[in-house]
Amino acid sequence: MINIFKTSKSVALSIDEFFDKIDLGILNFKQGIKNYISGNTIEFNQNLKTLNILEKDADSIQRKIENDFYLHSLMPNYASDILNLLESVDDIVDRSKNVLNQFDVESPHMPEAIKNDYSELVSLSAKSAENVLPAARIFFTSPDEVKDKIQKVLFYHRETDVLSTNIKRKIFQDFDSLKLSEKIHLRYFALHIEQVSEAAKDVAQQLSSLVIKIKM
């Protein structure tokens, strides 16, 4: 049970359900891009379809939570901060959906020699998001434990940034056979994949600030 919402069990359950949708969204983001890179078109399309549904479900649950906050006047001193936090968590699945949609629409061609790099980039970016969810969940039960959990988020965010930079350097310096337009296109998709990690970092920073605020 989410202890911070002792006065409303329904809100606690809604927040748990919301996090579950985001968690599944990250999984489909990660598997979707790996399926694209591997040429598994049917599986990729299923990941894309599922992620679009999860994003809509998460938005619907988020709106319900917001309405319940105002209806029950929950935590008036922190309601705005908490709702902003949930909005940032929702942004993770929004960006994940947008990335898969961009892969679907633009169908970037990836040379075989760089596919493993992109697979690793997706894994790192997803790990940043995967690790921020436990931190966000535990905020509602044990805020003191948030700090330890967000260290992994920031670690994987840094690793994502480093690998993305290396991929871009490799594209422009090592692939002479590619046209400039193809290099720019591949760089563009590295930037897209990074955005999920960026969204996770934003959540981690908000969590840190919110924990300090509720202790004051």
N, C-alpha and C. Protein backbone atom coordinates (compact mmCIF):
# COMPACT_ATOMS: atom_id res chain seq x y z
N MET A 1 0.84 -1.20 0.00
CA MET A 1 0.00 0.00 0.00
C MET A 1 0.88 1.25 0.00
N ILE A 2 0.42 2.26 -0.69
CA ILE A 2 1.16 3.52 -0.76
C ILE A 2 0.82 4.34 0.48
N ASN A 3 1.71 4.36 1.46
CA ASN A 3 1.43 4.94 2.77
C ASN A 3 1.13 6.43 2.72
N ILE A 4 1.67 7.12 1.73
CA ILE A 4 1.49 8.56 1.68
C ILE A 4 0.04 8.94 1.36
N PHE A 5 -0.73 7.97 0.88
CA PHE A 5 -2.12 8.22 0.54
C PHE A 5 -3.06 7.36 1.40
N LYS A 6 -2.89 7.42 2.69
CA LYS A 6 -3.70 6.61 3.59
C LYS A 6 -5.19 6.93 3.47
N THR A 7 -5.49 8.17 3.05
CA THR A 7 -6.89 8.59 2.98
C THR A 7 -7.58 8.15 1.71
N SER A 8 -6.84 7.60 0.75
CA SER A 8 -7.47 7.21 -0.51
C SER A 8 -6.81 5.98 -1.10
N LYS A 9 -7.42 4.84 -0.83
CA LYS A 9 -6.90 3.58 -1.36
C LYS A 9 -6.99 3.54 -2.87
N SER A 10 -8.04 4.14 -3.44
CA SER A 10 -8.22 4.12 -4.89
C SER A 10 -7.10 4.86 -5.62
N VAL A 11 -6.63 5.96 -5.03
CA VAL A 11 -5.52 6.70 -5.64
C VAL A 11 -4.25 5.88 -5.57
N ALA A 12 -4.04 5.20 -4.46
CA ALA A 12 -2.86 4.35 -4.32
C ALA A 12 -2.85 3.26 -5.38
N LEU A 13 -4.00 2.64 -5.59
CA LEU A 13 -4.10 1.58 -6.59
C LEU A 13 -3.91 2.13 -8.00
N SER A 14 -4.43 3.32 -8.24
CA SER A 14 -4.28 3.94 -9.56
C SER A 14 -2.81 4.25 -9.85
N ILE A 15 -2.09 4.72 -8.84
CA ILE A 15 -0.67 5.03 -9.04
C ILE A 15 0.12 3.76 -9.31
N ASP A 16 -0.20 2.68 -8.60
CA ASP A 16 0.46 1.40 -8.87
C ASP A 16 0.19 0.95 -10.30
N GLU A 17 -1.06 1.06 -10.73
CA GLU A 17 -1.43 0.66 -12.09
C GLU A 17 -0.72 1.54 -13.13
N PHE A 18 -0.61 2.82 -12.83
CA PHE A 18 0.08 3.75 -13.72
C PHE A 18 1.54 3.34 -13.91
N PHE A 19 2.23 3.04 -12.82
CA PHE A 19 3.62 2.61 -12.91
C PHE A 19 3.76 1.30 -13.68
N ASP A 20 2.79 0.40 -13.51
CA ASP A 20 2.82 -0.86 -14.25
C ASP A 20 2.77 -0.63 -15.76
N LYS A 21 1.94 0.32 -16.18
CA LYS A 21 1.83 0.64 -17.61
C LYS A 21 3.14 1.21 -18.14
N ILE A 22 3.77 2.08 -17.36
CA ILE A 22 5.04 2.67 -17.78
C ILE A 22 6.11 1.59 -17.89
N ASP A 23 6.12 0.69 -16.94
CA ASP A 23 7.10 -0.40 -16.92
C ASP A 23 6.97 -1.26 -18.18
N LEU A 24 5.75 -1.61 -18.54
CA LEU A 24 5.51 -2.39 -19.75
C LEU A 24 5.87 -1.60 -21.00
N GLY A 25 5.64 -0.29 -20.94
CA GLY A 25 6.00 0.57 -22.06
C GLY A 25 7.49 0.56 -22.34
N ILE A 26 8.28 0.63 -21.27
CA ILE A 26 9.75 0.60 -21.42
C ILE A 26 10.19 -0.73 -22.02
N LEU A 27 9.57 -1.81 -21.57
CA LEU A 27 9.91 -3.14 -22.09
C LEU A 27 9.64 -3.22 -23.59
N ASN A 28 8.49 -2.70 -24.01
CA ASN A 28 8.15 -2.75 -25.43
C ASN A 28 9.02 -1.81 -26.26
N PHE A 29 9.43 -0.70 -25.67
CA PHE A 29 10.38 0.19 -26.33
C PHE A 29 11.69 -0.54 -26.61
N LYS A 30 12.22 -1.19 -25.58
CA LYS A 30 13.50 -1.88 -25.70
C LYS A 30 13.40 -3.04 -26.69
N GLN A 31 12.39 -3.86 -26.54
CA GLN A 31 12.25 -5.01 -27.43
C GLN A 31 11.90 -4.59 -28.84
N GLY A 32 11.13 -3.49 -28.96
CA GLY A 32 10.73 -3.03 -30.27
C GLY A 32 11.92 -2.63 -31.12
N ILE A 33 12.82 -1.86 -30.55
CA ILE A 33 13.99 -1.42 -31.32
C ILE A 33 14.91 -2.59 -31.61
N LYS A 34 15.06 -3.49 -30.66
CA LYS A 34 15.91 -4.66 -30.91
C LYS A 34 15.30 -5.53 -32.01
N ASN A 35 13.98 -5.63 -32.03
CA ASN A 35 13.33 -6.39 -33.11
C ASN A 35 13.51 -5.69 -34.45
N TYR A 36 13.46 -4.36 -34.45
CA TYR A 36 13.69 -3.62 -35.69
C TYR A 36 15.10 -3.88 -36.21
N ILE A 37 16.08 -3.76 -35.32
CA ILE A 37 17.47 -3.96 -35.72
C ILE A 37 17.70 -5.37 -36.25
N SER A 38 17.01 -6.34 -35.65
CA SER A 38 17.16 -7.74 -36.06
C SER A 38 16.33 -8.09 -37.28
N GLY A 39 15.51 -7.16 -37.73
CA GLY A 39 14.67 -7.42 -38.90
C GLY A 39 13.43 -8.22 -38.60
N ASN A 40 13.04 -8.28 -37.32
CA ASN A 40 11.82 -9.00 -36.92
C ASN A 40 10.61 -8.08 -37.05
N THR A 41 10.14 -7.92 -38.28
CA THR A 41 9.11 -6.92 -38.57
C THR A 41 7.81 -7.18 -37.83
N ILE A 42 7.36 -8.42 -37.81
CA ILE A 42 6.08 -8.74 -37.16
C ILE A 42 6.15 -8.41 -35.67
N GLU A 43 7.24 -8.81 -35.03
CA GLU A 43 7.40 -8.54 -33.60
C GLU A 43 7.51 -7.04 -33.34
N PHE A 44 8.25 -6.34 -34.21
CA PHE A 44 8.36 -4.89 -34.06
C PHE A 44 6.99 -4.22 -34.14
N ASN A 45 6.20 -4.60 -35.12
CA ASN A 45 4.88 -4.01 -35.27
C ASN A 45 3.99 -4.29 -34.05
N GLN A 46 4.15 -5.46 -33.46
CA GLN A 46 3.38 -5.78 -32.26
C GLN A 46 3.84 -4.93 -31.08
N ASN A 47 5.15 -4.74 -30.94
CA ASN A 47 5.67 -3.86 -29.90
C ASN A 47 5.13 -2.44 -30.07
N LEU A 48 5.12 -1.96 -31.31
CA LEU A 48 4.63 -0.62 -31.60
C LEU A 48 3.15 -0.49 -31.25
N LYS A 49 2.36 -1.47 -31.65
CA LYS A 49 0.93 -1.46 -31.34
C LYS A 49 0.69 -1.47 -29.84
N THR A 50 1.41 -2.35 -29.15
CA THR A 50 1.25 -2.46 -27.70
C THR A 50 1.65 -1.18 -26.99
N LEU A 51 2.75 -0.58 -27.43
CA LEU A 51 3.23 0.64 -26.80
C LEU A 51 2.26 1.79 -26.99
N ASN A 52 1.65 1.88 -28.16
CA ASN A 52 0.65 2.93 -28.39
C ASN A 52 -0.55 2.77 -27.45
N ILE A 53 -0.95 1.53 -27.22
CA ILE A 53 -2.06 1.25 -26.30
C ILE A 53 -1.67 1.60 -24.86
N LEU A 54 -0.46 1.19 -24.47
CA LEU A 54 0.01 1.47 -23.10
C LEU A 54 0.13 2.97 -22.84
N GLU A 55 0.57 3.71 -23.85
CA GLU A 55 0.70 5.17 -23.69
C GLU A 55 -0.67 5.81 -23.47
N LYS A 56 -1.67 5.35 -24.20
CA LYS A 56 -3.03 5.88 -24.03
C LYS A 56 -3.59 5.50 -22.66
N ASP A 57 -3.34 4.26 -22.25
CA ASP A 57 -3.81 3.80 -20.93
C ASP A 57 -3.16 4.62 -19.81
N ALA A 58 -1.85 4.85 -19.94
CA ALA A 58 -1.14 5.61 -18.91
C ALA A 58 -1.69 7.03 -18.82
N ASP A 59 -1.96 7.65 -19.97
CA ASP A 59 -2.53 9.00 -19.97
C ASP A 59 -3.89 9.03 -19.28
N SER A 60 -4.70 8.01 -19.55
CA SER A 60 -6.03 7.94 -18.95
C SER A 60 -5.95 7.79 -17.43
N ILE A 61 -5.05 6.93 -16.98
CA ILE A 61 -4.88 6.72 -15.53
C ILE A 61 -4.35 7.99 -14.88
N GLN A 62 -3.42 8.64 -15.55
CA GLN A 62 -2.85 9.88 -15.01
C GLN A 62 -3.93 10.95 -14.82
N ARG A 63 -4.83 11.07 -15.79
CA ARG A 63 -5.93 12.04 -15.67
C ARG A 63 -6.84 11.69 -14.50
N LYS A 64 -7.07 10.40 -14.30
CA LYS A 64 -7.91 9.96 -13.17
C LYS A 64 -7.25 10.32 -11.84
N ILE A 65 -5.95 10.09 -11.75
CA ILE A 65 -5.22 10.42 -10.53
C ILE A 65 -5.31 11.91 -10.25
N GLU A 66 -5.12 12.71 -11.28
CA GLU A 66 -5.19 14.17 -11.12
C GLU A 66 -6.56 14.60 -10.63
N ASN A 67 -7.61 14.03 -11.22
CA ASN A 67 -8.97 14.36 -10.79
C ASN A 67 -9.21 13.96 -9.34
N ASP A 68 -8.71 12.77 -8.96
CA ASP A 68 -8.89 12.30 -7.58
C ASP A 68 -8.15 13.18 -6.59
N PHE A 69 -6.99 13.68 -6.99
CA PHE A 69 -6.23 14.57 -6.12
C PHE A 69 -7.06 15.80 -5.76
N TYR A 70 -7.66 16.39 -6.77
CA TYR A 70 -8.45 17.60 -6.52
C TYR A 70 -9.77 17.29 -5.84
N LEU A 71 -10.36 16.14 -6.20
CA LEU A 71 -11.64 15.75 -5.60
C LEU A 71 -11.51 15.51 -4.10
N HIS A 72 -10.41 14.84 -3.71
CA HIS A 72 -10.20 14.48 -2.30
C HIS A 72 -9.28 15.45 -1.58
N SER A 73 -8.83 16.50 -2.27
CA SER A 73 -7.91 17.49 -1.69
C SER A 73 -6.71 16.82 -1.04
N LEU A 74 -6.10 15.92 -1.77
CA LEU A 74 -4.97 15.17 -1.23
C LEU A 74 -3.70 16.02 -1.20
N MET A 75 -3.03 15.98 -0.08
CA MET A 75 -1.73 16.62 0.10
C MET A 75 -1.64 17.97 -0.58
N PRO A 76 -2.44 18.93 -0.17
CA PRO A 76 -2.49 20.24 -0.85
C PRO A 76 -1.15 20.95 -0.94
N ASN A 77 -0.26 20.70 0.03
CA ASN A 77 1.05 21.37 0.02
C ASN A 77 1.99 20.79 -1.03
N TYR A 78 1.73 19.55 -1.46
CA TYR A 78 2.64 18.88 -2.38
C TYR A 78 1.95 18.35 -3.64
N ALA A 79 0.65 18.57 -3.75
CA ALA A 79 -0.11 18.00 -4.87
C ALA A 79 0.47 18.38 -6.22
N SER A 80 0.79 19.65 -6.39
CA SER A 80 1.33 20.11 -7.66
C SER A 80 2.64 19.43 -8.00
N ASP A 81 3.52 19.29 -7.00
CA ASP A 81 4.81 18.64 -7.23
C ASP A 81 4.64 17.17 -7.60
N ILE A 82 3.73 16.50 -6.89
CA ILE A 82 3.52 15.08 -7.16
C ILE A 82 2.90 14.86 -8.53
N LEU A 83 1.95 15.69 -8.90
CA LEU A 83 1.34 15.56 -10.22
C LEU A 83 2.34 15.88 -11.33
N ASN A 84 3.22 16.83 -11.08
CA ASN A 84 4.29 17.11 -12.05
C ASN A 84 5.25 15.93 -12.17
N LEU A 85 5.49 15.28 -11.04
CA LEU A 85 6.34 14.09 -11.06
C LEU A 85 5.72 13.00 -11.93
N LEU A 86 4.43 12.76 -11.74
CA LEU A 86 3.75 11.73 -12.53
C LEU A 86 3.72 12.11 -14.01
N GLU A 87 3.61 13.40 -14.29
CA GLU A 87 3.66 13.87 -15.68
C GLU A 87 5.02 13.54 -16.30
N SER A 88 6.07 13.71 -15.53
CA SER A 88 7.41 13.41 -16.03
C SER A 88 7.62 11.91 -16.21
N VAL A 89 7.05 11.12 -15.32
CA VAL A 89 7.11 9.66 -15.49
C VAL A 89 6.37 9.27 -16.77
N ASP A 90 5.22 9.89 -16.99
CA ASP A 90 4.45 9.61 -18.19
C ASP A 90 5.23 9.99 -19.45
N ASP A 91 6.08 10.99 -19.33
CA ASP A 91 6.88 11.43 -20.48
C ASP A 91 7.82 10.33 -20.94
N ILE A 92 8.19 9.42 -20.05
CA ILE A 92 9.06 8.31 -20.44
C ILE A 92 8.38 7.45 -21.49
N VAL A 93 7.12 7.09 -21.24
CA VAL A 93 6.42 6.25 -22.21
C VAL A 93 6.03 7.04 -23.45
N ASP A 94 5.78 8.34 -23.29
CA ASP A 94 5.49 9.19 -24.45
C ASP A 94 6.68 9.20 -25.41
N ARG A 95 7.86 9.41 -24.85
CA ARG A 95 9.06 9.45 -25.70
C ARG A 95 9.36 8.07 -26.29
N SER A 96 9.13 7.03 -25.51
CA SER A 96 9.34 5.67 -26.01
C SER A 96 8.46 5.40 -27.22
N LYS A 97 7.19 5.79 -27.10
CA LYS A 97 6.25 5.61 -28.22
C LYS A 97 6.70 6.41 -29.43
N ASN A 98 7.12 7.63 -29.22
CA ASN A 98 7.54 8.48 -30.34
C ASN A 98 8.76 7.90 -31.06
N VAL A 99 9.68 7.33 -30.29
CA VAL A 99 10.87 6.74 -30.91
C VAL A 99 10.48 5.57 -31.81
N LEU A 100 9.63 4.67 -31.30
CA LEU A 100 9.22 3.54 -32.12
C LEU A 100 8.46 3.99 -33.35
N ASN A 101 7.62 5.00 -33.19
CA ASN A 101 6.88 5.53 -34.34
C ASN A 101 7.84 6.10 -35.40
N GLN A 102 8.92 6.75 -34.95
CA GLN A 102 9.88 7.29 -35.88
C GLN A 102 10.61 6.17 -36.64
N PHE A 103 10.93 5.09 -35.94
CA PHE A 103 11.53 3.94 -36.62
C PHE A 103 10.57 3.38 -37.66
N ASP A 104 9.30 3.32 -37.31
CA ASP A 104 8.28 2.79 -38.22
C ASP A 104 8.12 3.67 -39.45
N VAL A 105 8.08 4.98 -39.25
CA VAL A 105 7.83 5.91 -40.35
C VAL A 105 9.04 6.08 -41.25
N GLU A 106 10.23 6.23 -40.65
CA GLU A 106 11.42 6.59 -41.43
C GLU A 106 12.29 5.41 -41.84
N SER A 107 12.10 4.28 -41.18
CA SER A 107 12.83 3.04 -41.53
C SER A 107 14.31 3.26 -41.79
N PRO A 108 15.06 3.69 -40.79
CA PRO A 108 16.50 3.94 -41.01
C PRO A 108 17.26 2.66 -41.35
N HIS A 109 18.20 2.79 -42.26
CA HIS A 109 19.06 1.66 -42.61
C HIS A 109 20.29 1.66 -41.71
N MET A 110 20.53 0.55 -41.05
CA MET A 110 21.68 0.44 -40.16
C MET A 110 22.68 -0.56 -40.72
N PRO A 111 23.92 -0.12 -40.95
CA PRO A 111 24.96 -1.05 -41.39
C PRO A 111 25.15 -2.15 -40.34
N GLU A 112 25.45 -3.34 -40.80
CA GLU A 112 25.62 -4.48 -39.91
C GLU A 112 26.66 -4.20 -38.82
N ALA A 113 27.70 -3.45 -39.19
CA ALA A 113 28.82 -3.20 -38.27
C ALA A 113 28.45 -2.31 -37.09
N ILE A 114 27.27 -1.68 -37.15
CA ILE A 114 26.92 -0.77 -36.05
C ILE A 114 25.65 -1.22 -35.32
N LYS A 115 25.07 -2.31 -35.74
CA LYS A 115 23.83 -2.78 -35.11
C LYS A 115 24.00 -3.10 -33.63
N ASN A 116 25.11 -3.74 -33.28
CA ASN A 116 25.34 -4.08 -31.88
C ASN A 116 25.46 -2.83 -31.00
N ASP A 117 26.05 -1.78 -31.58
CA ASP A 117 26.17 -0.52 -30.83
C ASP A 117 24.80 0.06 -30.52
N TYR A 118 23.91 0.02 -31.49
CA TYR A 118 22.56 0.54 -31.27
C TYR A 118 21.77 -0.33 -30.29
N SER A 119 21.97 -1.63 -30.37
CA SER A 119 21.30 -2.54 -29.41
C SER A 119 21.75 -2.24 -27.99
N GLU A 120 23.05 -2.00 -27.82
CA GLU A 120 23.57 -1.66 -26.49
C GLU A 120 23.06 -0.30 -26.04
N LEU A 121 22.96 0.64 -26.98
CA LEU A 121 22.45 1.97 -26.63
C LEU A 121 21.01 1.88 -26.14
N VAL A 122 20.21 1.07 -26.80
CA VAL A 122 18.81 0.88 -26.37
C VAL A 122 18.78 0.26 -24.98
N SER A 123 19.62 -0.72 -24.74
CA SER A 123 19.64 -1.38 -23.42
C SER A 123 19.99 -0.40 -22.32
N LEU A 124 21.00 0.44 -22.56
CA LEU A 124 21.43 1.40 -21.54
C LEU A 124 20.36 2.45 -21.28
N SER A 125 19.77 2.98 -22.35
CA SER A 125 18.73 3.99 -22.19
C SER A 125 17.54 3.41 -21.45
N ALA A 126 17.17 2.17 -21.79
CA ALA A 126 16.04 1.52 -21.11
C ALA A 126 16.36 1.23 -19.64
N LYS A 127 17.62 0.88 -19.36
CA LYS A 127 18.00 0.60 -17.97
C LYS A 127 17.86 1.85 -17.10
N SER A 128 18.18 2.99 -17.66
CA SER A 128 17.99 4.23 -16.91
C SER A 128 16.53 4.40 -16.53
N ALA A 129 15.64 4.15 -17.49
CA ALA A 129 14.20 4.28 -17.23
C ALA A 129 13.71 3.17 -16.30
N GLU A 130 14.20 1.95 -16.51
CA GLU A 130 13.79 0.82 -15.68
C GLU A 130 14.16 1.04 -14.21
N ASN A 131 15.27 1.72 -13.97
CA ASN A 131 15.71 1.94 -12.60
C ASN A 131 15.05 3.14 -11.93
N VAL A 132 14.50 4.06 -12.73
CA VAL A 132 13.85 5.21 -12.10
C VAL A 132 12.46 4.84 -11.58
N LEU A 133 11.84 3.81 -12.15
CA LEU A 133 10.51 3.44 -11.69
C LEU A 133 10.49 2.92 -10.25
N PRO A 134 11.42 2.03 -9.85
CA PRO A 134 11.45 1.63 -8.43
C PRO A 134 11.68 2.82 -7.50
N ALA A 135 12.47 3.78 -7.96
CA ALA A 135 12.72 4.97 -7.14
C ALA A 135 11.44 5.78 -6.99
N ALA A 136 10.68 5.90 -8.08
CA ALA A 136 9.42 6.65 -8.02
C ALA A 136 8.39 5.91 -7.18
N ARG A 137 8.34 4.60 -7.32
CA ARG A 137 7.38 3.81 -6.53
C ARG A 137 7.67 3.95 -5.03
N ILE A 138 8.95 3.81 -4.67
CA ILE A 138 9.28 3.78 -3.25
C ILE A 138 9.15 5.16 -2.61
N PHE A 139 9.12 6.20 -3.42
CA PHE A 139 8.90 7.53 -2.89
C PHE A 139 7.61 7.60 -2.08
N PHE A 140 6.59 6.86 -2.53
CA PHE A 140 5.29 6.91 -1.89
C PHE A 140 5.21 6.06 -0.62
N THR A 141 6.23 5.26 -0.35
CA THR A 141 6.22 4.43 0.86
C THR A 141 7.39 4.74 1.78
N SER A 142 8.58 4.91 1.19
CA SER A 142 9.80 5.13 1.98
C SER A 142 10.67 6.16 1.29
N PRO A 143 10.33 7.43 1.38
CA PRO A 143 11.09 8.49 0.68
C PRO A 143 12.59 8.49 0.99
N ASP A 144 12.96 8.03 2.18
CA ASP A 144 14.38 8.02 2.55
C ASP A 144 15.21 7.09 1.69
N GLU A 145 14.57 6.13 1.02
CA GLU A 145 15.30 5.16 0.21
C GLU A 145 15.46 5.59 -1.24
N VAL A 146 14.87 6.72 -1.59
CA VAL A 146 14.91 7.19 -2.98
C VAL A 146 16.33 7.49 -3.44
N LYS A 147 17.10 8.15 -2.60
CA LYS A 147 18.45 8.61 -3.00
C LYS A 147 19.32 7.47 -3.49
N ASP A 148 19.31 6.36 -2.77
CA ASP A 148 20.15 5.22 -3.16
C ASP A 148 19.75 4.67 -4.52
N LYS A 149 18.44 4.65 -4.78
CA LYS A 149 17.95 4.05 -6.02
C LYS A 149 18.23 4.90 -7.24
N ILE A 150 18.24 6.22 -7.08
CA ILE A 150 18.42 7.06 -8.27
C ILE A 150 19.88 7.10 -8.72
N GLN A 151 20.80 6.59 -7.91
CA GLN A 151 22.20 6.56 -8.34
C GLN A 151 22.36 5.70 -9.60
N LYS A 152 21.61 4.60 -9.67
CA LYS A 152 21.68 3.75 -10.86
C LYS A 152 21.12 4.45 -12.08
N VAL A 153 20.08 5.24 -11.87
CA VAL A 153 19.48 5.99 -12.98
C VAL A 153 20.52 6.91 -13.60
N LEU A 154 21.20 7.65 -12.76
CA LEU A 154 22.20 8.61 -13.25
C LEU A 154 23.40 7.90 -13.87
N PHE A 155 23.75 6.74 -13.32
CA PHE A 155 24.85 5.97 -13.89
C PHE A 155 24.53 5.54 -15.32
N TYR A 156 23.35 4.94 -15.51
CA TYR A 156 22.98 4.48 -16.84
C TYR A 156 22.73 5.64 -17.80
N HIS A 157 22.30 6.78 -17.28
CA HIS A 157 22.15 7.95 -18.13
C HIS A 157 23.52 8.39 -18.67
N ARG A 158 24.52 8.41 -17.80
CA ARG A 158 25.87 8.80 -18.23
C ARG A 158 26.42 7.81 -19.25
N GLU A 159 26.19 6.52 -19.00
CA GLU A 159 26.67 5.49 -19.93
C GLU A 159 25.98 5.61 -21.28
N THR A 160 24.70 5.94 -21.26
CA THR A 160 23.96 6.15 -22.51
C THR A 160 24.56 7.31 -23.29
N ASP A 161 24.85 8.39 -22.59
CA ASP A 161 25.42 9.57 -23.23
C ASP A 161 26.78 9.28 -23.85
N VAL A 162 27.61 8.55 -23.11
CA VAL A 162 28.95 8.21 -23.61
C VAL A 162 28.86 7.34 -24.85
N LEU A 163 28.02 6.30 -24.79
CA LEU A 163 27.92 5.39 -25.94
C LEU A 163 27.32 6.10 -27.15
N SER A 164 26.33 6.94 -26.92
CA SER A 164 25.72 7.68 -28.02
C SER A 164 26.74 8.56 -28.73
N THR A 165 27.58 9.22 -27.95
CA THR A 165 28.65 10.05 -28.54
C THR A 165 29.61 9.20 -29.35
N ASN A 166 29.96 8.03 -28.84
CA ASN A 166 30.87 7.14 -29.55
C ASN A 166 30.26 6.64 -30.86
N ILE A 167 28.96 6.36 -30.82
CA ILE A 167 28.27 5.91 -32.03
C ILE A 167 28.29 7.01 -33.09
N LYS A 168 27.99 8.22 -32.68
CA LYS A 168 27.98 9.34 -33.62
C LYS A 168 29.38 9.55 -34.23
N ARG A 169 30.40 9.45 -33.38
CA ARG A 169 31.77 9.61 -33.87
C ARG A 169 32.10 8.51 -34.88
N LYS A 170 31.70 7.28 -34.56
CA LYS A 170 31.97 6.16 -35.46
C LYS A 170 31.25 6.35 -36.79
N ILE A 171 30.02 6.81 -36.75
CA ILE A 171 29.24 7.01 -37.98
C ILE A 171 29.94 7.98 -38.91
N PHE A 172 30.40 9.09 -38.37
CA PHE A 172 30.96 10.14 -39.21
C PHE A 172 32.43 9.92 -39.56
N GLN A 173 33.13 9.11 -38.77
CA GLN A 173 34.57 8.93 -39.03
C GLN A 173 34.93 7.60 -39.68
N ASP A 174 34.09 6.56 -39.47
CA ASP A 174 34.47 5.22 -39.92
C ASP A 174 33.66 4.68 -41.10
N PHE A 175 32.54 5.29 -41.40
CA PHE A 175 31.68 4.75 -42.45
C PHE A 175 31.74 5.62 -43.70
N ASP A 176 32.85 5.51 -44.41
CA ASP A 176 33.04 6.32 -45.62
C ASP A 176 32.06 5.97 -46.73
N SER A 177 31.53 4.75 -46.69
CA SER A 177 30.62 4.31 -47.75
C SER A 177 29.23 4.94 -47.63
N LEU A 178 28.93 5.51 -46.47
CA LEU A 178 27.62 6.12 -46.26
C LEU A 178 27.59 7.55 -46.78
N LYS A 179 26.46 7.93 -47.33
CA LYS A 179 26.25 9.32 -47.73
C LYS A 179 26.11 10.17 -46.47
N LEU A 180 26.36 11.47 -46.62
CA LEU A 180 26.20 12.37 -45.48
C LEU A 180 24.77 12.33 -44.95
N SER A 181 23.81 12.25 -45.83
CA SER A 181 22.40 12.20 -45.41
C SER A 181 22.12 10.95 -44.59
N GLU A 182 22.77 9.83 -44.94
CA GLU A 182 22.58 8.58 -44.19
C GLU A 182 23.23 8.69 -42.81
N LYS A 183 24.38 9.34 -42.74
CA LYS A 183 25.06 9.53 -41.46
C LYS A 183 24.21 10.41 -40.53
N ILE A 184 23.67 11.47 -41.09
CA ILE A 184 22.83 12.38 -40.30
C ILE A 184 21.59 11.65 -39.80
N HIS A 185 21.04 10.78 -40.67
CA HIS A 185 19.85 10.02 -40.30
C HIS A 185 20.14 9.09 -39.12
N LEU A 186 21.28 8.40 -39.18
CA LEU A 186 21.65 7.49 -38.09
C LEU A 186 21.92 8.25 -36.80
N ARG A 187 22.57 9.41 -36.91
CA ARG A 187 22.82 10.24 -35.72
C ARG A 187 21.49 10.65 -35.09
N TYR A 188 20.55 11.00 -35.94
CA TYR A 188 19.21 11.42 -35.51
C TYR A 188 18.55 10.35 -34.64
N PHE A 189 18.72 9.07 -35.03
CA PHE A 189 18.08 8.01 -34.27
C PHE A 189 18.84 7.68 -32.98
N ALA A 190 20.13 7.93 -32.95
CA ALA A 190 20.85 7.81 -31.68
C ALA A 190 20.33 8.86 -30.70
N LEU A 191 20.10 10.06 -31.20
CA LEU A 191 19.54 11.13 -30.36
C LEU A 191 18.15 10.75 -29.84
N HIS A 192 17.35 10.14 -30.72
CA HIS A 192 16.01 9.72 -30.31
C HIS A 192 16.09 8.73 -29.15
N ILE A 193 16.92 7.73 -29.30
CA ILE A 193 17.02 6.68 -28.28
C ILE A 193 17.48 7.27 -26.95
N GLU A 194 18.38 8.24 -27.01
CA GLU A 194 18.86 8.91 -25.80
C GLU A 194 17.73 9.58 -25.02
N GLN A 195 16.68 10.01 -25.72
CA GLN A 195 15.64 10.79 -25.08
C GLN A 195 14.93 10.05 -23.95
N VAL A 196 14.87 8.74 -24.04
CA VAL A 196 14.23 7.96 -22.97
C VAL A 196 15.07 8.05 -21.70
N SER A 197 16.38 7.95 -21.85
CA SER A 197 17.28 8.12 -20.71
C SER A 197 17.19 9.54 -20.14
N GLU A 198 17.08 10.53 -21.02
CA GLU A 198 16.93 11.92 -20.58
C GLU A 198 15.67 12.09 -19.75
N ALA A 199 14.58 11.47 -20.19
CA ALA A 199 13.33 11.56 -19.44
C ALA A 199 13.47 10.92 -18.07
N ALA A 200 14.20 9.81 -18.00
CA ALA A 200 14.43 9.14 -16.71
C ALA A 200 15.25 10.02 -15.79
N LYS A 201 16.26 10.69 -16.34
CA LYS A 201 17.08 11.60 -15.53
C LYS A 201 16.23 12.74 -14.97
N ASP A 202 15.32 13.27 -15.77
CA ASP A 202 14.44 14.34 -15.31
C ASP A 202 13.60 13.88 -14.12
N VAL A 203 13.09 12.65 -14.19
CA VAL A 203 12.31 12.10 -13.08
C VAL A 203 13.18 11.96 -11.84
N ALA A 204 14.39 11.47 -12.02
CA ALA A 204 15.32 11.30 -10.88
C ALA A 204 15.58 12.63 -10.20
N GLN A 205 15.78 13.68 -10.98
CA GLN A 205 16.05 15.00 -10.42
C GLN A 205 14.83 15.54 -9.67
N GLN A 206 13.65 15.31 -10.22
CA GLN A 206 12.43 15.74 -9.53
C GLN A 206 12.24 14.98 -8.23
N LEU A 207 12.53 13.71 -8.24
CA LEU A 207 12.41 12.90 -7.02
C LEU A 207 13.34 13.43 -5.94
N SER A 208 14.56 13.75 -6.31
CA SER A 208 15.52 14.27 -5.33
C SER A 208 15.02 15.55 -4.70
N SER A 209 14.49 16.44 -5.52
CA SER A 209 13.98 17.72 -5.02
C SER A 209 12.75 17.52 -4.15
N LEU A 210 11.89 16.59 -4.56
CA LEU A 210 10.65 16.37 -3.82
C LEU A 210 10.91 15.75 -2.45
N VAL A 211 11.87 14.84 -2.39
CA VAL A 211 12.22 14.22 -1.10
C VAL A 211 12.71 15.29 -0.14
N ILE A 212 13.55 16.19 -0.62
CA ILE A 212 14.04 17.28 0.23
C ILE A 212 12.88 18.17 0.69
N LYS A 213 11.96 18.45 -0.22
CA LYS A 213 10.85 19.35 0.09
C LYS A 213 9.94 18.78 1.17
N ILE A 214 9.63 17.49 1.10
CA ILE A 214 8.69 16.93 2.08
C ILE A 214 9.33 16.78 3.46
N LYS A 215 10.67 16.86 3.51
CA LYS A 215 11.36 16.76 4.80
C LYS A 215 11.50 18.11 5.49
N MET A 216 11.25 19.16 4.74
CA MET A 216 11.44 20.51 5.32
C MET A 216 10.31 20.86 6.28
